[in-house]
């Protein structure tokens, strides 16, 4: 079945609303979305992912804030993965902080894949 463009289709296209917030000039990717100060952190975090809660995984933490942290993983993490931070090392501080992967680099650097972790609830 062949689709034929009618004049009505062209009229719909010309009458669409153009939301300037969706243009690249106003893209949030160009802005720093953080509203909290990050601090460099020399340690690790122990995370338990919801898909395999029985297996604790240690990640190097690059920086932290009240709203999240940046970690380095040897494997790419999928955006939206959720779990709980259970401990910070070397202090050994036990926590129960629900979190989710907000973003993950698509290519590793010399250390690995940088991943943004968003804290929620508690």
PDB file of N, CA and C in Angstrom:
ATOM      1  N   UNK A   1       0.838  -1.170   0.000  1.00  0.00           N
ATOM      2  CA  UNK A   1       0.000   0.000   0.000  1.00  0.00           C
ATOM      3  C   UNK A   1       0.889   1.241   0.000  1.00  0.00           C
ATOM      4  N   UNK A   2       0.680   2.098  -0.932  1.00  0.00           N
ATOM      5  CA  UNK A   2       1.486   3.300  -1.058  1.00  0.00           C
ATOM      6  C   UNK A   2       0.793   4.453  -0.352  1.00  0.00           C
ATOM      7  N   UNK A   3       1.588   5.218   0.420  1.00  0.00           N
ATOM      8  CA  UNK A   3       1.048   6.364   1.136  1.00  0.00           C
ATOM      9  C   UNK A   3       1.214   7.597   0.260  1.00  0.00           C
ATOM     10  N   UNK A   4       0.127   8.280   0.021  1.00  0.00           N
ATOM     11  CA  UNK A   4       0.152   9.489  -0.796  1.00  0.00           C
ATOM     12  C   UNK A   4      -0.016  10.682   0.133  1.00  0.00           C
ATOM     13  N   UNK A   5       0.889  11.630   0.025  1.00  0.00           N
ATOM     14  CA  UNK A   5       0.802  12.833   0.863  1.00  0.00           C
ATOM     15  C   UNK A   5      -0.265  13.751   0.296  1.00  0.00           C
ATOM     16  N   UNK A   6      -1.173  14.088   1.136  1.00  0.00           N
ATOM     17  CA  UNK A   6      -2.236  14.982   0.704  1.00  0.00           C
ATOM     18  C   UNK A   6      -1.895  16.403   1.140  1.00  0.00           C
ATOM     19  N   UNK A   7      -2.528  17.398   0.558  1.00  0.00           N
ATOM     20  CA  UNK A   7      -2.310  18.774   0.983  1.00  0.00           C
ATOM     21  C   UNK A   7      -2.602  18.963   2.465  1.00  0.00           C
ATOM     22  N   UNK A   8      -3.507  18.162   3.044  1.00  0.00           N
ATOM     23  CA  UNK A   8      -3.825  18.281   4.471  1.00  0.00           C
ATOM     24  C   UNK A   8      -2.599  17.929   5.322  1.00  0.00           C
ATOM     25  N   UNK A   9      -1.815  16.935   4.884  1.00  0.00           N
ATOM     26  CA  UNK A   9      -0.603  16.567   5.624  1.00  0.00           C
ATOM     27  C   UNK A   9       0.381  17.732   5.654  1.00  0.00           C
ATOM     28  N   UNK A  10       0.526  18.430   4.536  1.00  0.00           N
ATOM     29  CA  UNK A  10       1.436  19.570   4.495  1.00  0.00           C
ATOM     30  C   UNK A  10       0.927  20.690   5.397  1.00  0.00           C
ATOM     31  N   UNK A  11      -0.387  20.871   5.418  1.00  0.00           N
ATOM     32  CA  UNK A  11      -0.968  21.905   6.269  1.00  0.00           C
ATOM     33  C   UNK A  11      -0.714  21.587   7.735  1.00  0.00           C
ATOM     34  N   UNK A  12      -0.819  20.313   8.113  1.00  0.00           N
ATOM     35  CA  UNK A  12      -0.545  19.921   9.499  1.00  0.00           C
ATOM     36  C   UNK A  12       0.895  20.255   9.869  1.00  0.00           C
ATOM     37  N   UNK A  13       1.825  19.974   8.964  1.00  0.00           N
ATOM     38  CA  UNK A  13       3.229  20.222   9.244  1.00  0.00           C
ATOM     39  C   UNK A  13       3.522  21.707   9.406  1.00  0.00           C
ATOM     40  N   UNK A  14       2.901  22.531   8.595  1.00  0.00           N
ATOM     41  CA  UNK A  14       3.185  23.958   8.679  1.00  0.00           C
ATOM     42  C   UNK A  14       2.515  24.608   9.878  1.00  0.00           C
ATOM     43  N   UNK A  15       1.510  23.952  10.454  1.00  0.00           N
ATOM     44  CA  UNK A  15       0.785  24.512  11.588  1.00  0.00           C
ATOM     45  C   UNK A  15       1.234  23.934  12.922  1.00  0.00           C
ATOM     46  N   UNK A  16       2.284  23.101  12.930  1.00  0.00           N
ATOM     47  CA  UNK A  16       2.760  22.507  14.177  1.00  0.00           C
ATOM     48  C   UNK A  16       3.311  23.582  15.095  1.00  0.00           C
ATOM     49  N   UNK A  17       3.185  23.349  16.368  1.00  0.00           N
ATOM     50  CA  UNK A  17       3.758  24.265  17.355  1.00  0.00           C
ATOM     51  C   UNK A  17       5.251  23.992  17.444  1.00  0.00           C
ATOM     52  N   UNK A  18       6.032  25.037  17.432  1.00  0.00           N
ATOM     53  CA  UNK A  18       7.484  24.912  17.563  1.00  0.00           C
ATOM     54  C   UNK A  18       7.854  25.369  18.968  1.00  0.00           C
ATOM     55  N   UNK A  19       8.276  24.431  19.790  1.00  0.00           N
ATOM     56  CA  UNK A  19       8.658  24.741  21.163  1.00  0.00           C
ATOM     57  C   UNK A  19      10.150  25.032  21.179  1.00  0.00           C
ATOM     58  N   UNK A  20      10.525  26.275  21.448  1.00  0.00           N
ATOM     59  CA  UNK A  20      11.942  26.663  21.388  1.00  0.00           C
ATOM     60  C   UNK A  20      12.788  25.940  22.422  1.00  0.00           C
ATOM     61  N   UNK A  21      12.167  25.368  23.459  1.00  0.00           N
ATOM     62  CA  UNK A  21      12.970  24.655  24.456  1.00  0.00           C
ATOM     63  C   UNK A  21      13.497  23.335  23.926  1.00  0.00           C
ATOM     64  N   UNK A  22      13.014  22.895  22.762  1.00  0.00           N
ATOM     65  CA  UNK A  22      13.500  21.639  22.197  1.00  0.00           C
ATOM     66  C   UNK A  22      14.609  21.851  21.171  1.00  0.00           C
ATOM     67  N   UNK A  23      14.992  23.071  20.932  1.00  0.00           N
ATOM     68  CA  UNK A  23      16.045  23.323  19.960  1.00  0.00           C
ATOM     69  C   UNK A  23      17.405  23.153  20.607  1.00  0.00           C
ATOM     70  N   UNK A  24      18.427  22.795  19.841  1.00  0.00           N
ATOM     71  CA  UNK A  24      19.761  22.588  20.389  1.00  0.00           C
ATOM     72  C   UNK A  24      20.319  23.800  21.129  1.00  0.00           C
ATOM     73  N   UNK A  25      19.951  25.029  20.726  1.00  0.00           N
ATOM     74  CA  UNK A  25      20.497  26.206  21.397  1.00  0.00           C
ATOM     75  C   UNK A  25      20.105  26.260  22.868  1.00  0.00           C
ATOM     76  N   UNK A  26      18.946  25.723  23.204  1.00  0.00           N
ATOM     77  CA  UNK A  26      18.476  25.745  24.583  1.00  0.00           C
ATOM     78  C   UNK A  26      18.569  24.366  25.222  1.00  0.00           C
ATOM     79  N   UNK A  27      19.339  23.480  24.608  1.00  0.00           N
ATOM     80  CA  UNK A  27      19.417  22.108  25.096  1.00  0.00           C
ATOM     81  C   UNK A  27      20.000  22.048  26.490  1.00  0.00           C
ATOM     82  N   UNK A  28      19.422  21.202  27.315  1.00  0.00           N
ATOM     83  CA  UNK A  28      19.900  21.042  28.685  1.00  0.00           C
ATOM     84  C   UNK A  28      21.292  20.414  28.696  1.00  0.00           C
ATOM     85  N   UNK A  29      21.672  19.757  27.600  1.00  0.00           N
ATOM     86  CA  UNK A  29      23.002  19.152  27.523  1.00  0.00           C
ATOM     87  C   UNK A  29      24.094  20.213  27.607  1.00  0.00           C
ATOM     88  N   UNK A  30      23.773  21.452  27.229  1.00  0.00           N
ATOM     89  CA  UNK A  30      24.755  22.525  27.290  1.00  0.00           C
ATOM     90  C   UNK A  30      24.837  23.151  28.666  1.00  0.00           C
ATOM     91  N   UNK A  31      23.865  22.877  29.504  1.00  0.00           N
ATOM     92  CA  UNK A  31      23.810  23.477  30.834  1.00  0.00           C
ATOM     93  C   UNK A  31      24.244  22.473  31.887  1.00  0.00           C
ATOM     94  N   UNK A  32      24.750  22.976  32.998  1.00  0.00           N
ATOM     95  CA  UNK A  32      25.062  22.127  34.128  1.00  0.00           C
ATOM     96  C   UNK A  32      23.784  21.982  34.934  1.00  0.00           C
ATOM     97  N   UNK A  33      23.211  20.781  34.964  1.00  0.00           N
ATOM     98  CA  UNK A  33      21.945  20.562  35.635  1.00  0.00           C
ATOM     99  C   UNK A  33      22.106  20.400  37.138  1.00  0.00           C
ATOM    100  N   UNK A  34      23.324  20.327  37.639  1.00  0.00           N
ATOM    101  CA  UNK A  34      23.537  20.130  39.065  1.00  0.00           C
ATOM    102  C   UNK A  34      23.154  21.352  39.856  1.00  0.00           C
ATOM    103  N   UNK A  35      22.455  21.131  40.949  1.00  0.00           N
ATOM    104  CA  UNK A  35      22.136  22.232  41.843  1.00  0.00           C
ATOM    105  C   UNK A  35      22.797  22.025  43.201  1.00  0.00           C
ATOM    106  N   UNK A  36      23.723  21.073  43.270  1.00  0.00           N
ATOM    107  CA  UNK A  36      24.459  20.800  44.500  1.00  0.00           C
ATOM    108  C   UNK A  36      25.949  20.772  44.197  1.00  0.00           C
ATOM    109  N   UNK A  37      26.747  21.139  45.172  1.00  0.00           N
ATOM    110  CA  UNK A  37      28.192  21.161  44.994  1.00  0.00           C
ATOM    111  C   UNK A  37      28.762  19.754  45.100  1.00  0.00           C
ATOM    112  N   UNK A  38      29.593  19.406  44.129  1.00  0.00           N
ATOM    113  CA  UNK A  38      30.273  18.116  44.165  1.00  0.00           C
ATOM    114  C   UNK A  38      31.597  18.254  44.893  1.00  0.00           C
ATOM    115  N   UNK A  39      31.976  17.224  45.608  1.00  0.00           N
ATOM    116  CA  UNK A  39      33.282  17.210  46.260  1.00  0.00           C
ATOM    117  C   UNK A  39      34.029  15.962  45.817  1.00  0.00           C
ATOM    118  N   UNK A  40      35.322  16.111  45.616  1.00  0.00           N
ATOM    119  CA  UNK A  40      36.165  14.984  45.226  1.00  0.00           C
ATOM    120  C   UNK A  40      36.154  13.976  46.362  1.00  0.00           C
ATOM    121  N   UNK A  41      36.116  12.711  46.012  1.00  0.00           N
ATOM    122  CA  UNK A  41      36.068  11.651  47.013  1.00  0.00           C
ATOM    123  C   UNK A  41      37.137  10.619  46.679  1.00  0.00           C
ATOM    124  N   UNK A  42      37.940  10.279  47.650  1.00  0.00           N
ATOM    125  CA  UNK A  42      39.003   9.282  47.470  1.00  0.00           C
ATOM    126  C   UNK A  42      38.573   7.983  48.141  1.00  0.00           C
ATOM    127  N   UNK A  43      37.762   7.205  47.475  1.00  0.00           N
ATOM    128  CA  UNK A  43      37.308   5.957  48.070  1.00  0.00           C
ATOM    129  C   UNK A  43      36.418   5.184  47.126  1.00  0.00           C
ATOM    130  N   UNK A  44      35.696   4.264  47.693  1.00  0.00           N
ATOM    131  CA  UNK A  44      34.822   3.393  46.925  1.00  0.00           C
ATOM    132  C   UNK A  44      33.425   3.372  47.550  1.00  0.00           C
ATOM    133  N   UNK A  45      32.473   2.929  46.754  1.00  0.00           N
ATOM    134  CA  UNK A  45      31.110   2.717  47.229  1.00  0.00           C
ATOM    135  C   UNK A  45      30.738   1.273  46.912  1.00  0.00           C
ATOM    136  N   UNK A  46      30.012   0.662  47.829  1.00  0.00           N
ATOM    137  CA  UNK A  46      29.502  -0.685  47.597  1.00  0.00           C
ATOM    138  C   UNK A  46      28.040  -0.544  47.199  1.00  0.00           C
ATOM    139  N   UNK A  47      27.723  -1.029  46.004  1.00  0.00           N
ATOM    140  CA  UNK A  47      26.370  -0.946  45.465  1.00  0.00           C
ATOM    141  C   UNK A  47      25.797  -2.343  45.326  1.00  0.00           C
ATOM    142  N   UNK A  48      24.506  -2.451  45.563  1.00  0.00           N
ATOM    143  CA  UNK A  48      23.771  -3.695  45.314  1.00  0.00           C
ATOM    144  C   UNK A  48      22.677  -3.354  44.311  1.00  0.00           C
ATOM    145  N   UNK A  49      22.736  -3.972  43.140  1.00  0.00           N
ATOM    146  CA  UNK A  49      21.788  -3.692  42.070  1.00  0.00           C
ATOM    147  C   UNK A  49      20.511  -4.492  42.281  1.00  0.00           C
ATOM    148  N   UNK A  50      19.387  -3.915  41.942  1.00  0.00           N
ATOM    149  CA  UNK A  50      18.094  -4.562  42.171  1.00  0.00           C
ATOM    150  C   UNK A  50      17.956  -5.879  41.402  1.00  0.00           C
ATOM    151  N   UNK A  51      18.621  -6.010  40.265  1.00  0.00           N
ATOM    152  CA  UNK A  51      18.520  -7.245  39.485  1.00  0.00           C
ATOM    153  C   UNK A  51      19.363  -8.383  40.068  1.00  0.00           C
ATOM    154  N   UNK A  52      20.280  -8.070  41.015  1.00  0.00           N
ATOM    155  CA  UNK A  52      21.141  -9.089  41.635  1.00  0.00           C
ATOM    156  C   UNK A  52      21.550  -8.598  43.023  1.00  0.00           C
ATOM    157  N   UNK A  53      20.562  -8.424  43.887  1.00  0.00           N
ATOM    158  CA  UNK A  53      20.789  -7.786  45.184  1.00  0.00           C
ATOM    159  C   UNK A  53      21.780  -8.551  46.063  1.00  0.00           C
ATOM    160  N   UNK A  54      21.927  -9.851  45.875  1.00  0.00           N
ATOM    161  CA  UNK A  54      22.819 -10.663  46.710  1.00  0.00           C
ATOM    162  C   UNK A  54      24.299 -10.460  46.403  1.00  0.00           C
ATOM    163  N   UNK A  55      24.605  -9.745  45.318  1.00  0.00           N
ATOM    164  CA  UNK A  55      26.005  -9.556  44.919  1.00  0.00           C
ATOM    165  C   UNK A  55      26.421  -8.102  45.098  1.00  0.00           C
ATOM    166  N   UNK A  56      27.177  -7.805  46.169  1.00  0.00           N
ATOM    167  CA  UNK A  56      27.683  -6.430  46.332  1.00  0.00           C
ATOM    168  C   UNK A  56      28.800  -6.159  45.324  1.00  0.00           C
ATOM    169  N   UNK A  57      28.804  -4.949  44.771  1.00  0.00           N
ATOM    170  CA  UNK A  57      29.808  -4.567  43.774  1.00  0.00           C
ATOM    171  C   UNK A  57      30.477  -3.279  44.239  1.00  0.00           C
ATOM    172  N   UNK A  58      31.824  -3.260  44.210  1.00  0.00           N
ATOM    173  CA  UNK A  58      32.579  -2.069  44.616  1.00  0.00           C
ATOM    174  C   UNK A  58      32.942  -1.240  43.391  1.00  0.00           C
ATOM    175  N   UNK A  59      32.733   0.078  43.509  1.00  0.00           N
ATOM    176  CA  UNK A  59      33.076   1.017  42.437  1.00  0.00           C
ATOM    177  C   UNK A  59      33.904   2.149  43.017  1.00  0.00           C
ATOM    178  N   UNK A  60      34.867   2.605  42.247  1.00  0.00           N
ATOM    179  CA  UNK A  60      35.623   3.791  42.650  1.00  0.00           C
ATOM    180  C   UNK A  60      34.735   5.020  42.492  1.00  0.00           C
ATOM    181  N   UNK A  61      34.716   5.881  43.509  1.00  0.00           N
ATOM    182  CA  UNK A  61      33.932   7.109  43.474  1.00  0.00           C
ATOM    183  C   UNK A  61      34.859   8.266  43.099  1.00  0.00           C
ATOM    184  N   UNK A  62      34.463   9.047  42.107  1.00  0.00           N
ATOM    185  CA  UNK A  62      35.245  10.198  41.656  1.00  0.00           C
ATOM    186  C   UNK A  62      34.861  11.431  42.460  1.00  0.00           C
ATOM    187  N   UNK A  63      33.549  11.666  42.582  1.00  0.00           N
ATOM    188  CA  UNK A  63      33.063  12.799  43.366  1.00  0.00           C
ATOM    189  C   UNK A  63      31.659  12.506  43.869  1.00  0.00           C
ATOM    190  N   UNK A  64      31.262  13.254  44.906  1.00  0.00           N
ATOM    191  CA  UNK A  64      29.958  13.056  45.540  1.00  0.00           C
ATOM    192  C   UNK A  64      29.297  14.389  45.834  1.00  0.00           C
ATOM    193  N   UNK A  65      27.973  14.343  45.948  1.00  0.00           N
ATOM    194  CA  UNK A  65      27.193  15.487  46.419  1.00  0.00           C
ATOM    195  C   UNK A  65      26.015  14.911  47.186  1.00  0.00           C
ATOM    196  N   UNK A  66      25.167  15.776  47.718  1.00  0.00           N
ATOM    197  CA  UNK A  66      23.979  15.293  48.417  1.00  0.00           C
ATOM    198  C   UNK A  66      23.024  14.571  47.467  1.00  0.00           C
ATOM    199  N   UNK A  67      23.087  14.903  46.176  1.00  0.00           N
ATOM    200  CA  UNK A  67      22.148  14.340  45.212  1.00  0.00           C
ATOM    201  C   UNK A  67      22.644  13.162  44.414  1.00  0.00           C
ATOM    202  N   UNK A  68      23.931  12.827  44.539  1.00  0.00           N
ATOM    203  CA  UNK A  68      24.442  11.707  43.762  1.00  0.00           C
ATOM    204  C   UNK A  68      25.947  11.625  43.788  1.00  0.00           C
ATOM    205  N   UNK A  69      26.487  10.841  42.878  1.00  0.00           N
ATOM    206  CA  UNK A  69      27.936  10.675  42.790  1.00  0.00           C
ATOM    207  C   UNK A  69      28.303  10.208  41.386  1.00  0.00           C
ATOM    208  N   UNK A  70      29.582  10.364  41.075  1.00  0.00           N
ATOM    209  CA  UNK A  70      30.120   9.844  39.812  1.00  0.00           C
ATOM    210  C   UNK A  70      31.039   8.694  40.162  1.00  0.00           C
ATOM    211  N   UNK A  71      30.796   7.551  39.538  1.00  0.00           N
ATOM    212  CA  UNK A  71      31.613   6.373  39.786  1.00  0.00           C
ATOM    213  C   UNK A  71      32.301   5.947  38.506  1.00  0.00           C
ATOM    214  N   UNK A  72      33.255   5.046  38.636  1.00  0.00           N
ATOM    215  CA  UNK A  72      33.924   4.463  37.473  1.00  0.00           C
ATOM    216  C   UNK A  72      33.675   2.962  37.510  1.00  0.00           C
ATOM    217  N   UNK A  73      33.189   2.450  36.387  1.00  0.00           N
ATOM    218  CA  UNK A  73      32.883   1.032  36.242  1.00  0.00           C
ATOM    219  C   UNK A  73      33.750   0.450  35.133  1.00  0.00           C
ATOM    220  N   UNK A  74      34.113  -0.794  35.260  1.00  0.00           N
ATOM    221  CA  UNK A  74      34.879  -1.454  34.209  1.00  0.00           C
ATOM    222  C   UNK A  74      33.978  -1.925  33.072  1.00  0.00           C
ATOM    223  N   UNK A  75      32.671  -1.863  33.302  1.00  0.00           N
ATOM    224  CA  UNK A  75      31.685  -2.239  32.290  1.00  0.00           C
ATOM    225  C   UNK A  75      30.667  -1.106  32.178  1.00  0.00           C
ATOM    226  N   UNK A  76      30.112  -0.864  30.987  1.00  0.00           N
ATOM    227  CA  UNK A  76      29.111   0.197  30.860  1.00  0.00           C
ATOM    228  C   UNK A  76      27.858  -0.170  31.658  1.00  0.00           C
ATOM    229  N   UNK A  77      27.302   0.795  32.353  1.00  0.00           N
ATOM    230  CA  UNK A  77      26.072   0.586  33.107  1.00  0.00           C
ATOM    231  C   UNK A  77      24.916   1.184  32.315  1.00  0.00           C
ATOM    232  N   UNK A  78      23.771   0.545  32.381  1.00  0.00           N
ATOM    233  CA  UNK A  78      22.599   1.010  31.641  1.00  0.00           C
ATOM    234  C   UNK A  78      21.870   2.090  32.425  1.00  0.00           C
ATOM    235  N   UNK A  79      21.519   3.172  31.736  1.00  0.00           N
ATOM    236  CA  UNK A  79      20.729   4.225  32.369  1.00  0.00           C
ATOM    237  C   UNK A  79      19.435   3.622  32.879  1.00  0.00           C
ATOM    238  N   UNK A  80      19.062   4.005  34.091  1.00  0.00           N
ATOM    239  CA  UNK A  80      17.840   3.495  34.691  1.00  0.00           C
ATOM    240  C   UNK A  80      18.050   2.313  35.622  1.00  0.00           C
ATOM    241  N   UNK A  81      19.246   1.688  35.583  1.00  0.00           N
ATOM    242  CA  UNK A  81      19.514   0.609  36.540  1.00  0.00           C
ATOM    243  C   UNK A  81      19.358   1.164  37.945  1.00  0.00           C
ATOM    244  N   UNK A  82      18.730   0.410  38.816  1.00  0.00           N
ATOM    245  CA  UNK A  82      18.482   0.887  40.168  1.00  0.00           C
ATOM    246  C   UNK A  82      19.039  -0.093  41.193  1.00  0.00           C
ATOM    247  N   UNK A  83      19.273   0.437  42.369  1.00  0.00           N
ATOM    248  CA  UNK A  83      19.786  -0.384  43.455  1.00  0.00           C
ATOM    249  C   UNK A  83      19.942   0.450  44.706  1.00  0.00           C
ATOM    250  N   UNK A  84      20.873   0.035  45.561  1.00  0.00           N
ATOM    251  CA  UNK A  84      21.094   0.686  46.840  1.00  0.00           C
ATOM    252  C   UNK A  84      22.595   0.787  47.101  1.00  0.00           C
ATOM    253  N   UNK A  85      23.028   1.974  47.567  1.00  0.00           N
ATOM    254  CA  UNK A  85      24.396   2.115  48.077  1.00  0.00           C
ATOM    255  C   UNK A  85      24.342   1.584  49.504  1.00  0.00           C
ATOM    256  N   UNK A  86      25.228   0.631  49.845  1.00  0.00           N
ATOM    257  CA  UNK A  86      25.184   0.043  51.180  1.00  0.00           C
ATOM    258  C   UNK A  86      26.363   0.429  52.067  1.00  0.00           C
ATOM    259  N   UNK A  87      27.459   0.901  51.462  1.00  0.00           N
ATOM    260  CA  UNK A  87      28.637   1.206  52.277  1.00  0.00           C
ATOM    261  C   UNK A  87      29.596   2.086  51.487  1.00  0.00           C
ATOM    262  N   UNK A  88      30.320   2.936  52.220  1.00  0.00           N
ATOM    263  CA  UNK A  88      31.414   3.718  51.642  1.00  0.00           C
ATOM    264  C   UNK A  88      32.714   3.230  52.252  1.00  0.00           C
ATOM    265  N   UNK A  89      33.710   3.042  51.398  1.00  0.00           N
ATOM    266  CA  UNK A  89      35.033   2.584  51.840  1.00  0.00           C
ATOM    267  C   UNK A  89      36.051   3.672  51.538  1.00  0.00           C
ATOM    268  N   UNK A  90      37.063   3.873  52.271  1.00  0.00           N
ATOM    269  CA  UNK A  90      37.595   2.980  53.307  1.00  0.00           C
ATOM    270  C   UNK A  90      36.981   3.189  54.688  1.00  0.00           C
ATOM    271  N   UNK A  91      36.116   4.199  54.864  1.00  0.00           N
ATOM    272  CA  UNK A  91      35.570   4.463  56.204  1.00  0.00           C
ATOM    273  C   UNK A  91      34.774   3.293  56.747  1.00  0.00           C
ATOM    274  N   UNK A  92      34.084   2.578  55.862  1.00  0.00           N
ATOM    275  CA  UNK A  92      33.230   1.488  56.288  1.00  0.00           C
ATOM    276  C   UNK A  92      31.853   1.959  56.715  1.00  0.00           C
ATOM    277  N   UNK A  93      31.524   3.211  56.402  1.00  0.00           N
ATOM    278  CA  UNK A  93      30.240   3.791  56.778  1.00  0.00           C
ATOM    279  C   UNK A  93      29.097   3.027  56.104  1.00  0.00           C
ATOM    280  N   UNK A  94      28.216   2.439  56.907  1.00  0.00           N
ATOM    281  CA  UNK A  94      27.051   1.730  56.371  1.00  0.00           C
ATOM    282  C   UNK A  94      25.942   2.727  56.076  1.00  0.00           C
ATOM    283  N   UNK A  95      25.326   2.590  54.907  1.00  0.00           N
ATOM    284  CA  UNK A  95      24.212   3.441  54.495  1.00  0.00           C
ATOM    285  C   UNK A  95      23.162   2.566  53.823  1.00  0.00           C
ATOM    286  N   UNK A  96      22.022   3.132  53.592  1.00  0.00           N
ATOM    287  CA  UNK A  96      20.978   2.480  52.795  1.00  0.00           C
ATOM    288  C   UNK A  96      20.381   3.569  51.911  1.00  0.00           C
ATOM    289  N   UNK A  97      21.094   3.865  50.800  1.00  0.00           N
ATOM    290  CA  UNK A  97      20.717   4.965  49.929  1.00  0.00           C
ATOM    291  C   UNK A  97      20.217   4.438  48.582  1.00  0.00           C
ATOM    292  N   UNK A  98      18.890   4.494  48.322  1.00  0.00           N
ATOM    293  CA  UNK A  98      18.402   4.101  47.001  1.00  0.00           C
ATOM    294  C   UNK A  98      19.019   4.994  45.921  1.00  0.00           C
ATOM    295  N   UNK A  99      19.334   4.399  44.789  1.00  0.00           N
ATOM    296  CA  UNK A  99      19.979   5.153  43.708  1.00  0.00           C
ATOM    297  C   UNK A  99      19.615   4.568  42.368  1.00  0.00           C
ATOM    298  N   UNK A 100      19.954   5.368  41.324  1.00  0.00           N
ATOM    299  CA  UNK A 100      19.698   4.964  39.950  1.00  0.00           C
ATOM    300  C   UNK A 100      20.794   5.530  39.051  1.00  0.00           C
ATOM    301  N   UNK A 101      21.130   4.805  37.989  1.00  0.00           N
ATOM    302  CA  UNK A 101      22.096   5.307  37.007  1.00  0.00           C
ATOM    303  C   UNK A 101      21.404   6.388  36.179  1.00  0.00           C
ATOM    304  N   UNK A 102      21.927   7.620  36.267  1.00  0.00           N
ATOM    305  CA  UNK A 102      21.359   8.744  35.522  1.00  0.00           C
ATOM    306  C   UNK A 102      21.963   8.843  34.127  1.00  0.00           C
ATOM    307  N   UNK A 103      23.251   8.535  34.021  1.00  0.00           N
ATOM    308  CA  UNK A 103      23.935   8.589  32.731  1.00  0.00           C
ATOM    309  C   UNK A 103      25.176   7.704  32.807  1.00  0.00           C
ATOM    310  N   UNK A 104      25.675   7.316  31.652  1.00  0.00           N
ATOM    311  CA  UNK A 104      26.884   6.507  31.581  1.00  0.00           C
ATOM    312  C   UNK A 104      27.624   6.867  30.301  1.00  0.00           C
ATOM    313  N   UNK A 105      28.930   7.010  30.399  1.00  0.00           N
ATOM    314  CA  UNK A 105      29.705   7.320  29.194  1.00  0.00           C
ATOM    315  C   UNK A 105      29.630   6.134  28.234  1.00  0.00           C
ATOM    316  N   UNK A 106      29.643   6.433  26.950  1.00  0.00           N
ATOM    317  CA  UNK A 106      29.527   5.372  25.951  1.00  0.00           C
ATOM    318  C   UNK A 106      30.874   4.745  25.607  1.00  0.00           C
ATOM    319  N   UNK A 107      31.943   5.447  25.926  1.00  0.00           N
ATOM    320  CA  UNK A 107      33.280   4.891  25.701  1.00  0.00           C
ATOM    321  C   UNK A 107      34.106   5.093  26.969  1.00  0.00           C
ATOM    322  N   UNK A 108      34.939   4.115  27.294  1.00  0.00           N
ATOM    323  CA  UNK A 108      35.747   4.235  28.510  1.00  0.00           C
ATOM    324  C   UNK A 108      36.967   5.122  28.287  1.00  0.00           C
ATOM    325  N   UNK A 109      37.492   5.685  29.382  1.00  0.00           N
ATOM    326  CA  UNK A 109      38.797   6.321  29.316  1.00  0.00           C
ATOM    327  C   UNK A 109      39.777   5.329  29.943  1.00  0.00           C
ATOM    328  N   UNK A 110      40.950   5.782  30.324  1.00  0.00           N
ATOM    329  CA  UNK A 110      41.952   4.868  30.877  1.00  0.00           C
ATOM    330  C   UNK A 110      41.490   4.195  32.174  1.00  0.00           C
ATOM    331  N   UNK A 111      40.579   4.845  32.902  1.00  0.00           N
ATOM    332  CA  UNK A 111      40.094   4.291  34.174  1.00  0.00           C
ATOM    333  C   UNK A 111      38.884   3.377  33.998  1.00  0.00           C
ATOM    334  N   UNK A 112      38.067   3.630  33.001  1.00  0.00           N
ATOM    335  CA  UNK A 112      36.853   2.852  32.778  1.00  0.00           C
ATOM    336  C   UNK A 112      35.727   3.743  32.307  1.00  0.00           C
ATOM    337  N   UNK A 113      34.503   3.299  32.520  1.00  0.00           N
ATOM    338  CA  UNK A 113      33.303   4.042  32.128  1.00  0.00           C
ATOM    339  C   UNK A 113      32.867   4.938  33.281  1.00  0.00           C
ATOM    340  N   UNK A 114      32.728   6.224  33.025  1.00  0.00           N
ATOM    341  CA  UNK A 114      32.239   7.158  34.038  1.00  0.00           C
ATOM    342  C   UNK A 114      30.717   7.098  34.031  1.00  0.00           C
ATOM    343  N   UNK A 115      30.121   7.026  35.222  1.00  0.00           N
ATOM    344  CA  UNK A 115      28.672   6.875  35.350  1.00  0.00           C
ATOM    345  C   UNK A 115      28.156   7.822  36.429  1.00  0.00           C
ATOM    346  N   UNK A 116      27.066   8.487  36.137  1.00  0.00           N
ATOM    347  CA  UNK A 116      26.416   9.361  37.107  1.00  0.00           C
ATOM    348  C   UNK A 116      25.348   8.602  37.872  1.00  0.00           C
ATOM    349  N   UNK A 117      25.426   8.662  39.179  1.00  0.00           N
ATOM    350  CA  UNK A 117      24.460   7.983  40.054  1.00  0.00           C
ATOM    351  C   UNK A 117      23.598   9.034  40.725  1.00  0.00           C
ATOM    352  N   UNK A 118      22.293   8.866  40.636  1.00  0.00           N
ATOM    353  CA  UNK A 118      21.333   9.791  41.238  1.00  0.00           C
ATOM    354  C   UNK A 118      20.750   9.149  42.488  1.00  0.00           C
ATOM    355  N   UNK A 119      20.819   9.861  43.618  1.00  0.00           N
ATOM    356  CA  UNK A 119      20.219   9.378  44.857  1.00  0.00           C
ATOM    357  C   UNK A 119      18.760   9.814  44.908  1.00  0.00           C
ATOM    358  N   UNK A 120      17.898   8.939  45.372  1.00  0.00           N
ATOM    359  CA  UNK A 120      16.498   9.307  45.564  1.00  0.00           C
ATOM    360  C   UNK A 120      15.970   8.648  46.828  1.00  0.00           C
ATOM    361  N   UNK A 121      14.876   9.176  47.336  1.00  0.00           N
ATOM    362  CA  UNK A 121      14.277   8.608  48.546  1.00  0.00           C
ATOM    363  C   UNK A 121      15.273   8.537  49.692  1.00  0.00           C
ATOM    364  N   UNK A 122      14.975   7.809  50.698  1.00  0.00           N
ATOM    365  CA  UNK A 122      15.875   7.419  51.792  1.00  0.00           C
ATOM    366  C   UNK A 122      15.129   7.190  53.066  1.00  0.00           C
TER     367      UNK A 122
END
